[in-house]
Amino acid sequence: MPRTFILASRASQLAQIQTNIVLDTLQQSFPPNDNSNPSFTTSFMATAGDKNQSQALYLLGGKALWTKELEVALKEHHVDMLVHSLKDVPTTLPSGCVLGAILKRENPVDSLVIKQGENWKTMEDLPAGSVIGTSSVRRVAQLKRKFPQLEFMDVVS
């Protein structure tokens, strides 16, 4: 009898969307109507990073906050594979874990949200001293190089 594989990810809306993209891709490769193919299901869980959104990630211990509980579930055979944004995966994977696949990247463009009534349309339009909020250390580093006249502040939920 074909096996059912459990794909696990965080419970955030984005993680669920990404996991369902992987699920759809697997089901296209292994159609569920073929009784000899494995089937796939999902499991979503809250991680420490989901539970503490009041501080910046780098202050709380890094990317493992988003992956640790999932990695434990994988290593204890409660789930069969994990789906993460690559940005959430630590540089060094835990022993026994491997990066199995990377899907084609979706559009990586960021969004700029500006107060209603302001006429700025791009980062280049912002006056010196404008404050940009982001929770990404990587994004701050990229933007500071290009826009040294702007200020940057952590955004937390």
C-alpha atoms as a PDB file:
ATOM      1  CA  MET A   1       0.000   0.000   0.000  1.00  0.00           C
ATOM      2  CA  PRO A   2       1.431   3.455  -0.891  1.00  0.00           C
ATOM      3  CA  ARG A   3       2.775   5.559   1.942  1.00  0.00           C
ATOM      4  CA  THR A   4       1.464   8.950   3.079  1.00  0.00           C
ATOM      5  CA  PHE A   5       4.185  11.559   3.567  1.00  0.00           C
ATOM      6  CA  ILE A   6       3.654  14.440   6.001  1.00  0.00           C
ATOM      7  CA  LEU A   7       4.984  17.859   4.991  1.00  0.00           C
ATOM      8  CA  ALA A   8       5.448  20.109   8.016  1.00  0.00           C
ATOM      9  CA  SER A   9       5.918  23.838   8.262  1.00  0.00           C
ATOM     10  CA  ARG A  10       5.170  26.822  10.429  1.00  0.00           C
ATOM     11  CA  ALA A  11       1.550  27.821  10.954  1.00  0.00           C
ATOM     12  CA  SER A  12       1.995  31.314   9.516  1.00  0.00           C
ATOM     13  CA  GLN A  13      -0.101  32.194   6.484  1.00  0.00           C
ATOM     14  CA  LEU A  14       2.990  32.551   4.274  1.00  0.00           C
ATOM     15  CA  ALA A  15       4.420  29.197   5.415  1.00  0.00           C
ATOM     16  CA  GLN A  16       1.084  27.498   4.716  1.00  0.00           C
ATOM     17  CA  ILE A  17       0.957  29.009   1.225  1.00  0.00           C
ATOM     18  CA  GLN A  18       4.516  27.857   0.519  1.00  0.00           C
ATOM     19  CA  THR A  19       3.798  24.376   1.882  1.00  0.00           C
ATOM     20  CA  ASN A  20       0.689  24.078  -0.277  1.00  0.00           C
ATOM     21  CA  ILE A  21       2.791  25.041  -3.319  1.00  0.00           C
ATOM     22  CA  VAL A  22       5.150  22.166  -2.471  1.00  0.00           C
ATOM     23  CA  LEU A  23       2.153  19.868  -1.860  1.00  0.00           C
ATOM     24  CA  ASP A  24       0.696  20.777  -5.273  1.00  0.00           C
ATOM     25  CA  THR A  25       4.072  20.176  -6.934  1.00  0.00           C
ATOM     26  CA  LEU A  26       4.384  16.738  -5.327  1.00  0.00           C
ATOM     27  CA  GLN A  27       0.808  15.835  -6.266  1.00  0.00           C
ATOM     28  CA  GLN A  28       1.488  16.823  -9.878  1.00  0.00           C
ATOM     29  CA  SER A  29       4.564  14.587  -9.877  1.00  0.00           C
ATOM     30  CA  PHE A  30       2.738  11.746  -8.083  1.00  0.00           C
ATOM     31  CA  PRO A  31      -0.953  12.091  -9.038  1.00  0.00           C
ATOM     32  CA  PRO A  32      -3.244  11.005  -6.190  1.00  0.00           C
ATOM     33  CA  ASN A  33      -5.567   9.165  -8.586  1.00  0.00           C
ATOM     34  CA  ASP A  34      -2.799   6.617  -9.300  1.00  0.00           C
ATOM     35  CA  ASN A  35      -3.135   4.058  -6.481  1.00  0.00           C
ATOM     36  CA  SER A  36       0.546   3.108  -6.718  1.00  0.00           C
ATOM     37  CA  ASN A  37       1.698   6.656  -5.874  1.00  0.00           C
ATOM     38  CA  PRO A  38       2.379   7.919  -2.369  1.00  0.00           C
ATOM     39  CA  SER A  39       0.031  10.521  -0.935  1.00  0.00           C
ATOM     40  CA  PHE A  40       0.920  13.731   0.857  1.00  0.00           C
ATOM     41  CA  THR A  41      -0.596  15.673   3.711  1.00  0.00           C
ATOM     42  CA  THR A  42       0.411  18.702   5.773  1.00  0.00           C
ATOM     43  CA  SER A  43       1.040  19.535   9.407  1.00  0.00           C
ATOM     44  CA  PHE A  44       1.422  23.113  10.634  1.00  0.00           C
ATOM     45  CA  MET A  45       2.905  24.125  13.979  1.00  0.00           C
ATOM     46  CA  ALA A  46       3.778  27.293  15.845  1.00  0.00           C
ATOM     47  CA  THR A  47       7.483  27.756  16.569  1.00  0.00           C
ATOM     48  CA  ALA A  48       9.283  29.872  19.167  1.00  0.00           C
ATOM     49  CA  GLY A  49       9.734  32.549  16.502  1.00  0.00           C
ATOM     50  CA  ASP A  50       5.983  32.628  15.918  1.00  0.00           C
ATOM     51  CA  LYS A  51       5.282  32.875  19.635  1.00  0.00           C
ATOM     52  CA  ASN A  52       7.675  35.776  20.355  1.00  0.00           C
ATOM     53  CA  GLN A  53       7.254  38.497  17.770  1.00  0.00           C
ATOM     54  CA  SER A  54       8.012  41.374  20.097  1.00  0.00           C
ATOM     55  CA  GLN A  55      11.783  41.310  19.589  1.00  0.00           C
ATOM     56  CA  ALA A  56      14.076  41.209  16.581  1.00  0.00           C
ATOM     57  CA  LEU A  57      15.210  37.750  15.480  1.00  0.00           C
ATOM     58  CA  TYR A  58      18.896  38.457  15.997  1.00  0.00           C
ATOM     59  CA  LEU A  59      18.198  39.353  19.650  1.00  0.00           C
ATOM     60  CA  LEU A  60      16.438  36.045  20.330  1.00  0.00           C
ATOM     61  CA  GLY A  61      18.961  33.529  19.088  1.00  0.00           C
ATOM     62  CA  GLY A  62      18.751  33.460  15.327  1.00  0.00           C
ATOM     63  CA  LYS A  63      17.016  31.417  12.696  1.00  0.00           C
ATOM     64  CA  ALA A  64      16.651  28.260  14.807  1.00  0.00           C
ATOM     65  CA  LEU A  65      13.671  30.000  16.431  1.00  0.00           C
ATOM     66  CA  TRP A  66      11.746  29.334  13.225  1.00  0.00           C
ATOM     67  CA  THR A  67      12.985  25.794  12.635  1.00  0.00           C
ATOM     68  CA  LYS A  68      13.872  24.002  15.899  1.00  0.00           C
ATOM     69  CA  GLU A  69      10.450  22.506  16.765  1.00  0.00           C
ATOM     70  CA  LEU A  70      10.004  21.361  13.178  1.00  0.00           C
ATOM     71  CA  GLU A  71      13.457  19.771  13.080  1.00  0.00           C
ATOM     72  CA  VAL A  72      12.684  17.876  16.307  1.00  0.00           C
ATOM     73  CA  ALA A  73       9.436  16.560  14.770  1.00  0.00           C
ATOM     74  CA  LEU A  74      11.387  15.457  11.683  1.00  0.00           C
ATOM     75  CA  LYS A  75      14.141  13.731  13.658  1.00  0.00           C
ATOM     76  CA  GLU A  76      11.555  11.980  15.860  1.00  0.00           C
ATOM     77  CA  HIS A  77       9.745  10.750  12.700  1.00  0.00           C
ATOM     78  CA  HIS A  78       6.491  12.601  13.457  1.00  0.00           C
ATOM     79  CA  VAL A  79       6.763  14.229  10.011  1.00  0.00           C
ATOM     80  CA  ASP A  80       8.604  13.268   6.821  1.00  0.00           C
ATOM     81  CA  MET A  81       9.800  16.563   5.368  1.00  0.00           C
ATOM     82  CA  LEU A  82       9.897  20.251   6.247  1.00  0.00           C
ATOM     83  CA  VAL A  83       9.037  23.238   4.093  1.00  0.00           C
ATOM     84  CA  HIS A  84      10.837  26.490   4.923  1.00  0.00           C
ATOM     85  CA  SER A  85      11.668  29.754   3.269  1.00  0.00           C
ATOM     86  CA  LEU A  86      15.379  29.406   2.627  1.00  0.00           C
ATOM     87  CA  LYS A  87      15.892  32.685   4.485  1.00  0.00           C
ATOM     88  CA  ASP A  88      14.640  30.927   7.654  1.00  0.00           C
ATOM     89  CA  VAL A  89      17.000  27.962   7.384  1.00  0.00           C
ATOM     90  CA  PRO A  90      20.170  28.205   9.495  1.00  0.00           C
ATOM     91  CA  THR A  91      23.426  28.207   7.543  1.00  0.00           C
ATOM     92  CA  THR A  92      24.470  24.957   9.230  1.00  0.00           C
ATOM     93  CA  LEU A  93      21.825  22.241   9.224  1.00  0.00           C
ATOM     94  CA  PRO A  94      21.385  20.002  12.263  1.00  0.00           C
ATOM     95  CA  SER A  95      22.988  16.561  12.165  1.00  0.00           C
ATOM     96  CA  GLY A  96      20.813  14.141  10.216  1.00  0.00           C
ATOM     97  CA  CYS A  97      19.069  16.859   8.176  1.00  0.00           C
ATOM     98  CA  VAL A  98      19.747  17.657   4.526  1.00  0.00           C
ATOM     99  CA  LEU A  99      18.422  20.212   2.108  1.00  0.00           C
ATOM    100  CA  GLY A 100      16.423  17.965  -0.213  1.00  0.00           C
ATOM    101  CA  ALA A 101      15.053  20.330  -2.844  1.00  0.00           C
ATOM    102  CA  ILE A 102      14.560  23.955  -3.739  1.00  0.00           C
ATOM    103  CA  LEU A 103      11.602  24.970  -5.879  1.00  0.00           C
ATOM    104  CA  LYS A 104      11.776  27.688  -8.493  1.00  0.00           C
ATOM    105  CA  ARG A 105      11.835  31.041  -6.710  1.00  0.00           C
ATOM    106  CA  GLU A 106       8.714  33.157  -6.716  1.00  0.00           C
ATOM    107  CA  ASN A 107       8.934  36.910  -7.288  1.00  0.00           C
ATOM    108  CA  PRO A 108      11.322  38.204  -4.573  1.00  0.00           C
ATOM    109  CA  VAL A 109      10.338  41.872  -4.848  1.00  0.00           C
ATOM    110  CA  ASP A 110       9.724  43.697  -1.555  1.00  0.00           C
ATOM    111  CA  SER A 111       6.967  46.220  -0.995  1.00  0.00           C
ATOM    112  CA  LEU A 112       7.230  49.804   0.201  1.00  0.00           C
ATOM    113  CA  VAL A 113       4.260  50.900   2.316  1.00  0.00           C
ATOM    114  CA  ILE A 114       3.896  54.658   2.837  1.00  0.00           C
ATOM    115  CA  LYS A 115       1.442  56.681   4.925  1.00  0.00           C
ATOM    116  CA  GLN A 116      -1.702  57.680   3.108  1.00  0.00           C
ATOM    117  CA  GLY A 117      -1.484  61.205   1.725  1.00  0.00           C
ATOM    118  CA  GLU A 118       2.279  61.186   1.106  1.00  0.00           C
ATOM    119  CA  ASN A 119       3.447  61.537  -2.481  1.00  0.00           C
ATOM    120  CA  TRP A 120       6.545  59.335  -2.324  1.00  0.00           C
ATOM    121  CA  LYS A 121       6.471  56.379  -4.682  1.00  0.00           C
ATOM    122  CA  THR A 122       9.990  54.906  -4.352  1.00  0.00           C
ATOM    123  CA  MET A 123      12.818  54.714  -1.819  1.00  0.00           C
ATOM    124  CA  GLU A 124      14.669  57.289  -3.930  1.00  0.00           C
ATOM    125  CA  ASP A 125      11.823  59.783  -3.326  1.00  0.00           C
ATOM    126  CA  LEU A 126      12.090  59.658   0.481  1.00  0.00           C
ATOM    127  CA  PRO A 127      13.685  62.683   2.179  1.00  0.00           C
ATOM    128  CA  ALA A 128      16.909  62.253   4.190  1.00  0.00           C
ATOM    129  CA  GLY A 129      16.195  61.057   7.715  1.00  0.00           C
ATOM    130  CA  SER A 130      13.088  59.099   6.742  1.00  0.00           C
ATOM    131  CA  VAL A 131      12.659  56.008   8.908  1.00  0.00           C
ATOM    132  CA  ILE A 132      12.269  52.631   7.222  1.00  0.00           C
ATOM    133  CA  GLY A 133      10.936  49.723   9.279  1.00  0.00           C
ATOM    134  CA  THR A 134      11.942  46.134   8.584  1.00  0.00           C
ATOM    135  CA  SER A 135      12.550  42.999  10.640  1.00  0.00           C
ATOM    136  CA  SER A 136      15.299  41.765   8.318  1.00  0.00           C
ATOM    137  CA  VAL A 137      18.932  42.401   9.250  1.00  0.00           C
ATOM    138  CA  ARG A 138      19.910  41.377   5.707  1.00  0.00           C
ATOM    139  CA  ARG A 139      17.516  43.899   4.189  1.00  0.00           C
ATOM    140  CA  VAL A 140      18.802  46.697   6.450  1.00  0.00           C
ATOM    141  CA  ALA A 141      22.381  45.960   5.376  1.00  0.00           C
ATOM    142  CA  GLN A 142      21.394  46.040   1.695  1.00  0.00           C
ATOM    143  CA  LEU A 143      19.360  49.228   2.025  1.00  0.00           C
ATOM    144  CA  LYS A 144      21.934  51.113   4.146  1.00  0.00           C
ATOM    145  CA  ARG A 145      24.489  50.709   1.359  1.00  0.00           C
ATOM    146  CA  LYS A 146      22.113  52.084  -1.236  1.00  0.00           C
ATOM    147  CA  PHE A 147      20.337  54.692   0.952  1.00  0.00           C
ATOM    148  CA  PRO A 148      22.796  55.952   3.595  1.00  0.00           C
ATOM    149  CA  GLN A 149      20.644  59.074   4.114  1.00  0.00           C
ATOM    150  CA  LEU A 150      17.751  57.003   5.528  1.00  0.00           C
ATOM    151  CA  GLU A 151      17.320  55.588   9.042  1.00  0.00           C
ATOM    152  CA  PHE A 152      16.280  52.020   9.784  1.00  0.00           C
ATOM    153  CA  MET A 153      14.270  50.607  12.670  1.00  0.00           C
ATOM    154  CA  ASP A 154      13.233  47.088  13.700  1.00  0.00           C
ATOM    155  CA  VAL A 155       9.629  46.191  13.015  1.00  0.00           C
ATOM    156  CA  VAL A 156       7.959  43.715  15.323  1.00  0.00           C
ATOM    157  CA  SER A 157       4.385  42.504  15.307  1.00  0.00           C
END
